[in-house]
Amino acid sequence: MTLNPPNHTVVESSVGPPRLASLSPSRASDFKQCPYMYKLRSVDRIPTEPTVYQARGTTAHLALERLFQLARDERTPERLYDLFREAWTELRTTEYPGLFDDVDEERKWGLESLKLLADYFTVEDPTSFDPDGLEQDLSVAIGEMTIRGILDRRETLRETGPDGSEREVIVITDYKTGKAPPERYATKAFFALKIYALLLRVEEGITVDRLRLLYLNGPTEYQLDVNDAQLDAMEAQLTALWSAINTAFETQQWRTKRSVLCDWCDFKDTLCPEFVDADTIAKNHADAMERIRSAQDEQTEMPAS
């Protein structure tokens, strides 16, 4: 059970309604998708059970980060497989205890994960460049907002333009271990990367030229060239989201937003009024809050190491 979602929104408690202290791209995406889901995840912090897909994503990200910390000639498939195994050994008991019912199930998951990592090498050659940044922790003030997040990777590449001239291109890349959406929906998937491009512009004066999404399950690569006008639009969208979230805190109105994405929501069958009756929601919510209190009590009672 996880008490706090990764990159969760920080909320300040003060006299009067609480207000946002910071917002991550992932939680901004949650609110866009469904304000009520955002409330359950980031305000109530309802515990959710970790999944094998989350475990794969976390472990693969750590392995790929460490791969690019090696010399170019060491960035081989075999070394990446070893890094994945090492990362999983570190994470399995602390972050994902009891995730698998037996050794055979865990081994099958591991083999499927290694297959995804093998596919990574068909998308790009990690020996051909050195990143400018890895797992970059960003916390940037934009007007009244503070936006926080961790960017997977940033690199500067050289390419030949249509006129035959060479230029440097700043690229930011995000790894995905799930399946890529159909191409007609791909633009929406760049939401978080556009935010990171905006953060780099504000924090470092860097103008990002291109966004890349690398879906290892496929594998599939989507690219999107960006410009200042698009980043200006993203800043306006973020400002509107920030205001809308604070309004929801003030009014305590967290509307549901039904969509095809509901089928992947952790709370659909237990806490969502679109699908569950009020009495069941009340009981499930009370049970969840009791689990939170019990877990917090256990952590408080644990002796210091």
Protein backbone atom coordinates (compact mmCIF):
# COMPACT_ATOMS: atom_id res chain seq x y z
CA MET A 1 0.00 0.00 0.00
CA THR A 2 1.32 3.45 -0.86
CA LEU A 3 0.32 6.37 1.31
CA ASN A 4 1.53 9.13 -0.98
CA PRO A 5 1.50 9.04 -4.78
CA PRO A 6 4.78 9.91 -6.50
CA ASN A 7 5.08 13.58 -7.45
CA HIS A 8 1.98 14.30 -5.40
CA THR A 9 0.59 17.81 -5.19
CA VAL A 10 1.62 19.62 -2.01
CA VAL A 11 -1.21 21.40 -0.27
CA GLU A 12 -0.74 24.09 2.35
CA SER A 13 -2.98 24.14 5.42
CA SER A 14 -3.72 27.62 6.71
CA VAL A 15 -6.56 29.76 7.97
CA GLY A 16 -9.34 29.44 5.43
CA PRO A 17 -9.42 27.00 2.51
CA PRO A 18 -6.17 25.16 1.67
CA ARG A 19 -4.34 26.25 -1.45
CA LEU A 20 -1.78 24.68 -3.71
CA ALA A 21 1.86 24.95 -2.75
CA SER A 22 3.16 23.12 -5.84
CA LEU A 23 1.91 21.04 -8.72
CA SER A 24 3.58 18.30 -10.77
CA PRO A 25 2.90 17.53 -14.44
CA SER A 26 1.40 14.16 -13.48
CA ARG A 27 -1.03 15.68 -10.98
CA ALA A 28 -1.93 18.46 -13.42
CA SER A 29 -2.76 15.71 -15.90
CA ASP A 30 -4.90 14.00 -13.23
CA PHE A 31 -6.99 17.14 -12.73
CA LYS A 32 -7.42 17.56 -16.47
CA GLN A 33 -8.59 13.97 -16.76
CA CYS A 34 -10.96 14.08 -13.77
CA PRO A 35 -11.02 16.55 -10.85
CA TYR A 36 -12.64 13.94 -8.59
CA MET A 37 -9.85 11.44 -9.29
CA TYR A 38 -7.36 14.20 -8.50
CA LYS A 39 -9.06 14.76 -5.13
CA LEU A 40 -8.96 11.08 -4.20
CA ARG A 41 -5.33 10.72 -5.22
CA SER A 42 -3.77 14.02 -4.14
CA VAL A 43 -6.03 15.50 -1.44
CA ASP A 44 -7.42 12.44 0.33
CA ARG A 45 -4.36 10.40 -0.70
CA ILE A 46 -6.36 7.20 -0.85
CA PRO A 47 -3.96 4.25 -0.80
CA THR A 48 -3.65 2.24 -4.00
CA GLU A 49 -2.02 -1.11 -4.53
CA PRO A 50 1.15 -0.98 -6.66
CA THR A 51 0.95 -2.88 -9.95
CA VAL A 52 3.41 -4.92 -11.96
CA TYR A 53 3.27 -2.19 -14.61
CA GLN A 54 4.31 0.50 -12.15
CA ALA A 55 7.11 -1.73 -10.89
CA ARG A 56 8.34 -2.29 -14.43
CA GLY A 57 8.26 1.42 -15.22
CA THR A 58 10.13 2.45 -12.07
CA THR A 59 12.77 -0.24 -12.48
CA ALA A 60 13.30 0.40 -16.19
CA HIS A 61 13.67 4.15 -15.61
CA LEU A 62 16.34 3.53 -12.97
CA ALA A 63 18.19 1.05 -15.20
CA LEU A 64 18.17 3.44 -18.18
CA GLU A 65 19.38 6.32 -16.02
CA ARG A 66 22.32 4.21 -14.86
CA LEU A 67 23.04 3.01 -18.40
CA PHE A 68 23.74 6.59 -19.50
CA GLN A 69 26.05 7.10 -16.53
CA LEU A 70 28.39 4.54 -18.08
CA ALA A 71 30.98 5.13 -20.79
CA ARG A 72 29.52 4.87 -24.28
CA ASP A 73 31.13 1.53 -25.10
CA GLU A 74 29.60 -0.01 -21.99
CA ARG A 75 26.00 0.81 -22.97
CA THR A 76 25.15 -2.64 -24.29
CA PRO A 77 21.94 -4.69 -24.04
CA GLU A 78 23.61 -7.13 -21.65
CA ARG A 79 24.70 -4.31 -19.35
CA LEU A 80 21.19 -2.83 -19.38
CA TYR A 81 19.73 -6.21 -18.43
CA ASP A 82 22.16 -6.40 -15.49
CA LEU A 83 21.24 -2.87 -14.42
CA PHE A 84 17.55 -3.78 -14.51
CA ARG A 85 18.16 -6.84 -12.33
CA GLU A 86 20.23 -4.77 -9.89
CA ALA A 87 17.58 -2.05 -9.72
CA TRP A 88 14.83 -4.59 -9.11
CA THR A 89 16.84 -6.20 -6.31
CA GLU A 90 16.97 -2.76 -4.65
CA LEU A 91 13.29 -1.95 -5.15
CA ARG A 92 11.46 -5.24 -4.72
CA THR A 93 11.44 -5.38 -0.92
CA THR A 94 11.19 -1.66 -0.16
CA GLU A 95 8.84 -0.33 -2.84
CA TYR A 96 6.99 -3.44 -4.03
CA PRO A 97 6.89 -6.04 -1.23
CA GLY A 98 4.60 -8.97 -1.92
CA LEU A 99 3.90 -7.87 -5.48
CA PHE A 100 4.16 -11.41 -6.87
CA ASP A 101 2.45 -14.54 -5.61
CA ASP A 102 5.37 -16.82 -6.43
CA VAL A 103 8.81 -16.97 -8.01
CA ASP A 104 7.51 -18.20 -11.36
CA GLU A 105 5.21 -15.18 -11.71
CA GLU A 106 8.07 -12.84 -10.86
CA ARG A 107 10.39 -14.58 -13.32
CA LYS A 108 7.83 -14.27 -16.12
CA TRP A 109 7.47 -10.55 -15.37
CA GLY A 110 11.24 -10.18 -15.43
CA LEU A 111 11.60 -11.86 -18.81
CA GLU A 112 8.85 -9.68 -20.28
CA SER A 113 10.62 -6.63 -18.90
CA LEU A 114 13.96 -7.64 -20.43
CA LYS A 115 12.22 -8.05 -23.79
CA LEU A 116 11.07 -4.42 -23.59
CA LEU A 117 14.60 -3.33 -22.79
CA ALA A 118 15.91 -5.28 -25.78
CA ASP A 119 13.42 -3.44 -27.96
CA TYR A 120 14.79 -0.13 -26.67
CA PHE A 121 17.95 -0.68 -28.72
CA THR A 122 15.88 -0.82 -31.91
CA VAL A 123 14.63 2.74 -31.28
CA GLU A 124 17.93 4.49 -30.57
CA ASP A 125 21.64 3.83 -30.16
CA PRO A 126 22.69 4.88 -26.64
CA THR A 127 26.36 4.82 -27.65
CA SER A 128 25.87 7.64 -30.17
CA PHE A 129 25.39 10.54 -27.74
CA ASP A 130 25.79 11.71 -24.15
CA PRO A 131 22.80 13.27 -22.37
CA ASP A 132 23.05 16.78 -20.97
CA GLY A 133 20.86 15.78 -18.04
CA LEU A 134 19.38 12.66 -16.43
CA GLU A 135 16.46 12.51 -13.98
CA GLN A 136 16.66 16.28 -13.61
CA ASP A 137 14.74 17.51 -10.56
CA LEU A 138 12.98 20.77 -11.42
CA SER A 139 11.11 23.11 -9.11
CA VAL A 140 10.27 26.33 -10.91
CA ALA A 141 8.24 29.39 -9.96
CA ILE A 142 6.07 30.68 -12.79
CA GLY A 143 4.04 33.65 -11.66
CA GLU A 144 2.09 32.52 -8.59
CA MET A 145 2.69 28.85 -9.39
CA THR A 146 5.42 26.44 -8.35
CA ILE A 147 5.71 23.53 -10.76
CA ARG A 148 7.76 20.50 -9.76
CA GLY A 149 8.79 17.37 -11.58
CA ILE A 150 11.60 15.06 -12.67
CA LEU A 151 12.63 15.09 -16.33
CA ASP A 152 13.89 11.73 -17.63
CA ARG A 153 16.52 12.95 -20.08
CA ARG A 154 17.82 15.93 -22.03
CA GLU A 155 20.29 15.89 -24.90
CA THR A 156 21.70 18.13 -27.61
CA LEU A 157 21.87 16.49 -31.04
CA ARG A 158 23.23 17.62 -34.38
CA GLU A 159 21.10 17.18 -37.47
CA THR A 160 21.07 18.22 -41.09
CA GLY A 161 18.23 20.49 -42.14
CA PRO A 162 16.32 20.44 -45.44
CA ASP A 163 18.71 23.04 -46.85
CA GLY A 164 21.71 20.84 -46.07
CA SER A 165 22.96 22.97 -43.18
CA GLU A 166 23.73 21.46 -39.78
CA ARG A 167 22.22 22.67 -36.54
CA GLU A 168 22.06 21.73 -32.89
CA VAL A 169 18.70 20.52 -31.58
CA ILE A 170 17.80 20.38 -27.89
CA VAL A 171 15.62 17.33 -27.21
CA ILE A 172 13.87 16.16 -24.04
CA THR A 173 12.88 12.52 -23.81
CA ASP A 174 10.40 10.57 -21.71
CA TYR A 175 10.44 6.76 -21.44
CA LYS A 176 7.19 4.81 -21.34
CA THR A 177 6.95 1.09 -20.61
CA GLY A 178 3.29 0.85 -21.57
CA LYS A 179 1.81 0.63 -25.05
CA ALA A 180 1.76 3.72 -27.22
CA PRO A 181 -1.61 5.34 -27.89
CA PRO A 182 -2.83 5.43 -31.50
CA GLU A 183 -1.08 8.19 -33.42
CA ARG A 184 -4.24 10.30 -33.61
CA TYR A 185 -4.15 10.59 -29.79
CA ALA A 186 -0.39 11.04 -29.48
CA THR A 187 -0.48 14.84 -29.21
CA LYS A 188 -2.23 14.64 -25.81
CA ALA A 189 0.53 12.38 -24.54
CA PHE A 190 3.04 15.25 -24.89
CA PHE A 191 1.29 17.27 -22.17
CA ALA A 192 3.90 16.59 -19.47
CA LEU A 193 6.87 17.09 -21.78
CA LYS A 194 5.53 20.48 -22.85
CA ILE A 195 5.46 21.44 -19.18
CA TYR A 196 9.07 20.32 -18.76
CA ALA A 197 10.07 22.34 -21.84
CA LEU A 198 8.39 25.37 -20.25
CA LEU A 199 10.22 24.79 -16.95
CA LEU A 200 13.58 24.64 -18.73
CA ARG A 201 12.82 27.87 -20.58
CA VAL A 202 11.97 29.67 -17.33
CA GLU A 203 14.68 28.12 -15.14
CA GLU A 204 17.65 27.91 -17.53
CA GLY A 205 16.72 30.04 -20.52
CA ILE A 206 16.83 26.91 -22.70
CA THR A 207 14.57 26.73 -25.72
CA VAL A 208 13.72 23.08 -26.33
CA ASP A 209 13.33 22.18 -30.00
CA ARG A 210 11.82 18.69 -29.80
CA LEU A 211 9.90 16.38 -27.51
CA ARG A 212 10.31 12.60 -27.73
CA LEU A 213 8.19 9.84 -26.24
CA LEU A 214 9.83 6.42 -26.33
CA TYR A 215 7.32 3.62 -25.78
CA LEU A 216 9.34 0.47 -25.13
CA ASN A 217 6.27 -1.74 -25.54
CA GLY A 218 6.13 -1.84 -29.32
CA PRO A 219 8.50 -0.17 -29.56
CA THR A 220 7.13 3.16 -30.77
CA GLU A 221 8.65 6.61 -30.95
CA TYR A 222 6.64 9.84 -31.20
CA GLN A 223 8.28 13.19 -31.81
CA LEU A 224 6.90 16.71 -31.64
CA ASP A 225 8.75 19.89 -32.53
CA VAL A 226 7.83 22.80 -30.27
CA ASN A 227 8.26 26.56 -30.30
CA ASP A 228 7.82 29.48 -27.94
CA ALA A 229 4.21 30.06 -28.98
CA GLN A 230 3.29 26.52 -27.93
CA LEU A 231 5.08 26.96 -24.61
CA ASP A 232 3.26 30.26 -24.05
CA ALA A 233 0.01 28.37 -24.59
CA MET A 234 1.11 25.70 -22.10
CA GLU A 235 1.86 28.39 -19.51
CA ALA A 236 -1.65 29.79 -19.99
CA GLN A 237 -3.14 26.30 -19.65
CA LEU A 238 -1.16 25.61 -16.47
CA THR A 239 -2.26 28.94 -15.01
CA ALA A 240 -5.89 28.03 -15.70
CA LEU A 241 -5.44 24.59 -14.11
CA TRP A 242 -3.78 26.10 -11.05
CA SER A 243 -6.70 28.51 -10.65
CA ALA A 244 -9.28 25.75 -11.20
CA ILE A 245 -7.69 23.51 -8.55
CA ASN A 246 -7.64 26.35 -6.02
CA THR A 247 -11.27 27.10 -6.82
CA ALA A 248 -12.12 23.45 -6.18
CA PHE A 249 -10.42 23.69 -2.78
CA GLU A 250 -12.38 26.83 -1.95
CA THR A 251 -15.76 25.45 -3.03
CA GLN A 252 -15.08 21.77 -2.25
CA GLN A 253 -16.63 20.95 -5.60
CA TRP A 254 -14.69 18.16 -7.29
CA ARG A 255 -16.64 17.15 -10.36
CA THR A 256 -16.37 13.79 -12.02
CA LYS A 257 -15.43 13.62 -15.68
CA ARG A 258 -16.47 10.41 -17.33
CA SER A 259 -14.38 9.20 -20.28
CA VAL A 260 -12.85 6.10 -21.86
CA LEU A 261 -9.98 6.51 -19.37
CA CYS A 262 -12.29 5.55 -16.50
CA ASP A 263 -11.55 1.88 -17.16
CA TRP A 264 -7.96 2.48 -16.01
CA CYS A 265 -8.86 4.47 -12.89
CA ASP A 266 -7.87 2.97 -9.52
CA PHE A 267 -11.09 4.25 -7.95
CA LYS A 268 -13.73 3.40 -10.55
CA ASP A 269 -15.26 0.41 -8.80
CA THR A 270 -14.90 1.60 -5.21
CA LEU A 271 -15.14 5.39 -4.83
CA CYS A 272 -16.47 6.96 -8.02
CA PRO A 273 -20.08 8.25 -7.94
CA GLU A 274 -20.32 7.66 -11.68
CA PHE A 275 -20.19 3.91 -11.04
CA VAL A 276 -20.80 3.27 -7.30
CA ASP A 277 -23.70 4.17 -4.99
CA ALA A 278 -23.25 6.73 -2.20
CA ASP A 279 -23.48 4.26 0.71
CA THR A 280 -20.78 2.03 -0.77
CA ILE A 281 -18.56 5.04 -1.43
CA ALA A 282 -18.95 6.24 2.16
CA LYS A 283 -18.00 2.82 3.55
CA ASN A 284 -15.03 2.36 1.19
CA HIS A 285 -13.78 5.88 1.89
CA ALA A 286 -13.98 5.34 5.66
CA ASP A 287 -12.14 2.02 5.31
CA ALA A 288 -9.42 3.66 3.22
CA MET A 289 -8.91 6.49 5.70
CA GLU A 290 -8.68 3.98 8.54
CA ARG A 291 -5.95 2.11 6.61
CA ILE A 292 -4.08 5.39 6.25
CA ARG A 293 -4.30 6.08 9.98
CA SER A 294 -3.18 2.56 10.84
CA ALA A 295 -0.22 2.76 8.48
CA GLN A 296 0.78 6.14 9.90
CA ASP A 297 0.53 4.79 13.43
CA GLU A 298 2.76 1.86 12.50
CA GLN A 299 5.36 4.21 11.01
CA THR A 300 5.27 6.39 14.14
CA GLU A 301 5.75 3.39 16.40
CA MET A 302 8.70 1.99 14.43
CA PRO A 303 11.98 2.43 16.34
CA ALA A 304 14.61 4.62 14.73
CA SER A 305 17.30 2.63 12.94
